[in-house]
Amino acid sequence: RTRWCCVVSQHCPDFAMQMAGGFSHPMEPDDELRQLLATLSEELATKLQLNSGRTLEPVSYSKQVVAGMNYRVTLKNEGRLVDCTIFKPLPHTGEAPQLSEFTWR
């Protein structure tokens, strides 16, 4: 087993760094994240108490597979960072993604 783990970590650094059940390594914002944030724009503005016309700029995110998907997202607003956890249920549930928690830095 030890040899196998060493070989995997040498050839697959992403696999070796991600703990089973844990969040992925931080990733650059992409279309997947932007689409998710677009569906939550009103909820984010309300819960984060953003002034009208203020935008959130995605900085990075990571994902965790659960019974759906958890997204840990860092957003920037007027120079301040906010860490958000967003839960996206499995498609068959018909439920919309929702902001689970957030913390301003």
C-alpha atoms as a PDB file:
ATOM      1  CA  ARG A   1       0.000   0.000   0.000  1.00  0.00           C
ATOM      2  CA  THR A   2       2.689   2.496   0.857  1.00  0.00           C
ATOM      3  CA  ARG A   3       4.372   2.074  -2.511  1.00  0.00           C
ATOM      4  CA  TRP A   4       1.055   2.473  -4.330  1.00  0.00           C
ATOM      5  CA  CYS A   5       0.304   5.696  -2.430  1.00  0.00           C
ATOM      6  CA  CYS A   6       3.742   7.066  -3.238  1.00  0.00           C
ATOM      7  CA  VAL A   7       3.368   6.240  -6.923  1.00  0.00           C
ATOM      8  CA  VAL A   8      -0.087   7.823  -7.049  1.00  0.00           C
ATOM      9  CA  SER A   9       1.080  10.981  -5.309  1.00  0.00           C
ATOM     10  CA  GLN A  10       4.052  11.317  -7.664  1.00  0.00           C
ATOM     11  CA  HIS A  11       2.024  10.851 -10.831  1.00  0.00           C
ATOM     12  CA  CYS A  12      -1.297  12.346  -9.751  1.00  0.00           C
ATOM     13  CA  PRO A  13      -0.648  15.286  -7.393  1.00  0.00           C
ATOM     14  CA  ASP A  14      -4.291  16.431  -7.544  1.00  0.00           C
ATOM     15  CA  PHE A  15      -5.492  13.015  -6.429  1.00  0.00           C
ATOM     16  CA  ALA A  16      -2.984  12.865  -3.587  1.00  0.00           C
ATOM     17  CA  MET A  17      -3.916  16.319  -2.260  1.00  0.00           C
ATOM     18  CA  GLN A  18      -7.693  15.811  -2.180  1.00  0.00           C
ATOM     19  CA  MET A  19      -9.004  13.950   0.813  1.00  0.00           C
ATOM     20  CA  ALA A  20     -11.938  11.625   0.179  1.00  0.00           C
ATOM     21  CA  GLY A  21     -15.118  13.497   1.110  1.00  0.00           C
ATOM     22  CA  GLY A  22     -13.233  16.773   1.412  1.00  0.00           C
ATOM     23  CA  PHE A  23     -13.216  19.891  -0.707  1.00  0.00           C
ATOM     24  CA  SER A  24     -11.184  20.022  -3.906  1.00  0.00           C
ATOM     25  CA  HIS A  25      -8.156  22.271  -4.176  1.00  0.00           C
ATOM     26  CA  PRO A  26      -9.010  25.943  -4.956  1.00  0.00           C
ATOM     27  CA  MET A  27      -9.810  26.589  -8.615  1.00  0.00           C
ATOM     28  CA  GLU A  28     -10.011  29.678 -10.792  1.00  0.00           C
ATOM     29  CA  PRO A  29     -13.532  30.983 -11.522  1.00  0.00           C
ATOM     30  CA  ASP A  30     -15.047  29.382 -14.636  1.00  0.00           C
ATOM     31  CA  ASP A  31     -18.383  29.218 -16.476  1.00  0.00           C
ATOM     32  CA  GLU A  32     -19.760  26.609 -14.045  1.00  0.00           C
ATOM     33  CA  LEU A  33     -19.239  28.971 -11.105  1.00  0.00           C
ATOM     34  CA  ARG A  34     -20.499  32.045 -12.965  1.00  0.00           C
ATOM     35  CA  GLN A  35     -23.726  30.234 -13.920  1.00  0.00           C
ATOM     36  CA  LEU A  36     -24.239  29.142 -10.313  1.00  0.00           C
ATOM     37  CA  LEU A  37     -23.694  32.692  -9.038  1.00  0.00           C
ATOM     38  CA  ALA A  38     -26.076  34.082 -11.669  1.00  0.00           C
ATOM     39  CA  THR A  39     -28.884  31.850 -10.361  1.00  0.00           C
ATOM     40  CA  LEU A  40     -28.210  33.129  -6.837  1.00  0.00           C
ATOM     41  CA  SER A  41     -27.646  36.812  -7.606  1.00  0.00           C
ATOM     42  CA  GLU A  42     -30.762  38.097  -5.808  1.00  0.00           C
ATOM     43  CA  GLU A  43     -30.271  35.855  -2.765  1.00  0.00           C
ATOM     44  CA  LEU A  44     -26.602  36.847  -2.517  1.00  0.00           C
ATOM     45  CA  ALA A  45     -27.418  40.571  -2.777  1.00  0.00           C
ATOM     46  CA  THR A  46     -30.086  40.288  -0.060  1.00  0.00           C
ATOM     47  CA  LYS A  47     -28.247  38.058   2.412  1.00  0.00           C
ATOM     48  CA  LEU A  48     -24.901  39.828   1.976  1.00  0.00           C
ATOM     49  CA  GLN A  49     -26.693  43.205   2.236  1.00  0.00           C
ATOM     50  CA  LEU A  50     -25.131  44.614  -0.912  1.00  0.00           C
ATOM     51  CA  ASN A  51     -26.071  48.078  -2.079  1.00  0.00           C
ATOM     52  CA  SER A  52     -27.968  48.273  -5.360  1.00  0.00           C
ATOM     53  CA  GLY A  53     -25.688  48.030  -8.350  1.00  0.00           C
ATOM     54  CA  ARG A  54     -22.793  46.494  -6.422  1.00  0.00           C
ATOM     55  CA  THR A  55     -21.255  43.432  -7.999  1.00  0.00           C
ATOM     56  CA  LEU A  56     -19.532  40.373  -6.612  1.00  0.00           C
ATOM     57  CA  GLU A  57     -16.379  39.260  -8.364  1.00  0.00           C
ATOM     58  CA  PRO A  58     -15.526  35.556  -8.000  1.00  0.00           C
ATOM     59  CA  VAL A  59     -11.942  35.003  -6.818  1.00  0.00           C
ATOM     60  CA  SER A  60     -11.727  31.220  -6.359  1.00  0.00           C
ATOM     61  CA  TYR A  61     -13.793  28.188  -5.442  1.00  0.00           C
ATOM     62  CA  SER A  62     -13.621  24.551  -4.460  1.00  0.00           C
ATOM     63  CA  LYS A  63     -16.181  21.763  -4.596  1.00  0.00           C
ATOM     64  CA  GLN A  64     -17.259  18.904  -2.344  1.00  0.00           C
ATOM     65  CA  VAL A  65     -19.440  16.043  -3.528  1.00  0.00           C
ATOM     66  CA  VAL A  66     -22.212  15.289  -1.027  1.00  0.00           C
ATOM     67  CA  ALA A  67     -25.854  14.414  -1.769  1.00  0.00           C
ATOM     68  CA  GLY A  68     -25.513  17.197  -4.323  1.00  0.00           C
ATOM     69  CA  MET A  69     -22.562  19.592  -4.442  1.00  0.00           C
ATOM     70  CA  ASN A  70     -21.146  22.035  -1.911  1.00  0.00           C
ATOM     71  CA  TYR A  71     -19.258  24.989  -3.336  1.00  0.00           C
ATOM     72  CA  ARG A  72     -16.889  26.997  -1.136  1.00  0.00           C
ATOM     73  CA  VAL A  73     -16.582  30.317  -2.961  1.00  0.00           C
ATOM     74  CA  THR A  74     -14.487  33.391  -2.257  1.00  0.00           C
ATOM     75  CA  LEU A  75     -16.035  36.566  -3.668  1.00  0.00           C
ATOM     76  CA  LYS A  76     -14.768  40.142  -3.757  1.00  0.00           C
ATOM     77  CA  ASN A  77     -16.951  43.228  -3.242  1.00  0.00           C
ATOM     78  CA  GLU A  78     -15.445  46.710  -3.131  1.00  0.00           C
ATOM     79  CA  GLY A  79     -12.107  45.386  -1.893  1.00  0.00           C
ATOM     80  CA  ARG A  80     -13.612  43.123   0.784  1.00  0.00           C
ATOM     81  CA  LEU A  81     -13.631  39.345   0.578  1.00  0.00           C
ATOM     82  CA  VAL A  82     -16.500  37.108   1.575  1.00  0.00           C
ATOM     83  CA  ASP A  83     -16.326  33.325   1.893  1.00  0.00           C
ATOM     84  CA  CYS A  84     -19.590  31.604   0.970  1.00  0.00           C
ATOM     85  CA  THR A  85     -20.787  28.033   1.065  1.00  0.00           C
ATOM     86  CA  ILE A  86     -23.406  27.245  -1.551  1.00  0.00           C
ATOM     87  CA  PHE A  87     -25.310  23.969  -1.695  1.00  0.00           C
ATOM     88  CA  LYS A  88     -26.569  22.722  -5.059  1.00  0.00           C
ATOM     89  CA  PRO A  89     -28.982  19.776  -4.643  1.00  0.00           C
ATOM     90  CA  LEU A  90     -29.064  16.834  -7.021  1.00  0.00           C
ATOM     91  CA  PRO A  91     -31.027  17.624 -10.208  1.00  0.00           C
ATOM     92  CA  HIS A  92     -33.793  15.061  -9.584  1.00  0.00           C
ATOM     93  CA  THR A  93     -34.891  16.946  -6.443  1.00  0.00           C
ATOM     94  CA  GLY A  94     -35.961  19.971  -8.467  1.00  0.00           C
ATOM     95  CA  GLU A  95     -34.646  22.225  -5.692  1.00  0.00           C
ATOM     96  CA  ALA A  96     -32.679  25.378  -6.401  1.00  0.00           C
ATOM     97  CA  PRO A  97     -29.144  26.068  -5.139  1.00  0.00           C
ATOM     98  CA  GLN A  98     -28.972  28.077  -1.927  1.00  0.00           C
ATOM     99  CA  LEU A  99     -26.484  30.073   0.088  1.00  0.00           C
ATOM    100  CA  SER A 100     -25.782  27.996   3.222  1.00  0.00           C
ATOM    101  CA  GLU A 101     -23.429  30.314   5.075  1.00  0.00           C
ATOM    102  CA  PHE A 102     -21.048  33.215   4.577  1.00  0.00           C
ATOM    103  CA  THR A 103     -18.310  35.056   6.440  1.00  0.00           C
ATOM    104  CA  TRP A 104     -16.916  38.490   5.604  1.00  0.00           C
ATOM    105  CA  ARG A 105     -13.162  38.893   6.017  1.00  0.00           C
END
